[in-house]
Amino acid sequence: MGTDEYRAYLLRLWRVENNGESWRARLENVETGEAQGFASLAKLIEFLHSLEGRADQPGQGTGEINNVV
C-alpha cells in the first residue's frame, strides 16, 4: 500500500434565494489556502469526486479564490 494521503478543507455553505432556494459553497484547502467557489451542491460534490485518485502537490496554492463552478 502507498503512503497515506490526508486532505483538510474548510467548507462554507450558505443559502441564496434565486428562482427558488439553492445553496452556494466555498471550499478552502487548509494547507495551501487555495479556495474554490461552487454555484451548487451538485458542483461541489462533482469536485470532491474528482479528487479521488488525484494527488495534491503541496505548495502550489495561490491563496486566491478560483472561479465559481
Protein backbone atom coordinates (compact mmCIF):
# COMPACT_ATOMS: atom_id res chain seq x y z
CA MET A 1 0.00 0.00 0.00
CA GLY A 2 1.27 3.52 -0.79
CA THR A 3 1.65 6.41 1.58
CA ASP A 4 -1.43 7.67 3.34
CA GLU A 5 -2.91 10.84 1.93
CA TYR A 6 -4.58 13.44 4.04
CA ARG A 7 -6.53 16.49 2.92
CA ALA A 8 -8.11 19.12 5.13
CA TYR A 9 -10.66 21.60 3.83
CA LEU A 10 -12.75 24.34 5.34
CA LEU A 11 -16.26 24.16 3.90
CA ARG A 12 -18.63 27.13 3.97
CA LEU A 13 -22.25 26.74 2.89
CA TRP A 14 -24.91 29.40 2.55
CA ARG A 15 -28.40 29.53 1.13
CA VAL A 16 -29.40 32.01 -1.55
CA GLU A 17 -32.82 32.70 -2.93
CA ASN A 18 -32.73 32.96 -6.68
CA ASN A 19 -35.56 31.33 -8.63
CA GLY A 20 -36.30 29.25 -5.56
CA GLU A 21 -33.90 28.29 -2.82
CA SER A 22 -30.44 26.97 -3.59
CA TRP A 23 -27.09 26.60 -1.90
CA ARG A 24 -23.65 28.01 -2.60
CA ALA A 25 -20.38 26.61 -1.28
CA ARG A 26 -16.76 27.63 -0.78
CA LEU A 27 -14.09 25.04 -0.18
CA GLU A 28 -10.67 26.13 1.09
CA ASN A 29 -7.61 23.89 1.23
CA VAL A 30 -6.29 24.38 4.77
CA GLU A 31 -2.69 23.59 3.80
CA THR A 32 -2.37 25.86 0.74
CA GLY A 33 -5.09 28.45 1.32
CA GLU A 34 -6.39 27.84 -2.19
CA ALA A 35 -10.17 28.26 -2.33
CA GLN A 36 -12.83 27.46 -4.88
CA GLY A 37 -16.44 28.56 -5.05
CA PHE A 38 -19.35 26.42 -6.21
CA ALA A 39 -22.70 27.62 -7.54
CA SER A 40 -24.48 24.47 -6.35
CA LEU A 41 -24.05 21.50 -4.05
CA ALA A 42 -24.00 19.26 -7.13
CA LYS A 43 -20.91 21.09 -8.42
CA LEU A 44 -19.24 20.78 -5.01
CA ILE A 45 -19.88 17.03 -4.94
CA GLU A 46 -18.62 16.70 -8.52
CA PHE A 47 -15.39 18.44 -7.49
CA LEU A 48 -14.97 16.19 -4.42
CA HIS A 49 -15.40 13.10 -6.61
CA SER A 50 -12.69 14.44 -8.93
CA LEU A 51 -10.22 14.39 -6.01
CA GLU A 52 -10.29 10.58 -5.89
CA GLY A 53 -7.02 9.26 -7.18
CA ARG A 54 -5.56 12.73 -7.69
CA ALA A 55 -2.54 13.65 -5.56
CA ASP A 56 -2.40 17.28 -4.46
CA GLN A 57 1.04 18.78 -4.77
CA PRO A 58 1.80 20.94 -1.72
CA GLY A 59 2.97 24.48 -2.26
CA GLN A 60 1.05 25.15 -5.45
CA GLY A 61 -1.86 27.00 -3.87
CA THR A 62 -2.10 30.71 -4.54
CA GLY A 63 -4.34 31.58 -1.63
CA GLU A 64 -6.76 33.08 -4.13
CA ILE A 65 -10.29 32.05 -4.83
CA ASN A 66 -10.75 30.27 -8.15
CA ASN A 67 -13.74 31.00 -10.33
CA VAL A 68 -17.11 29.78 -9.18
CA VAL A 69 -18.03 26.49 -10.80
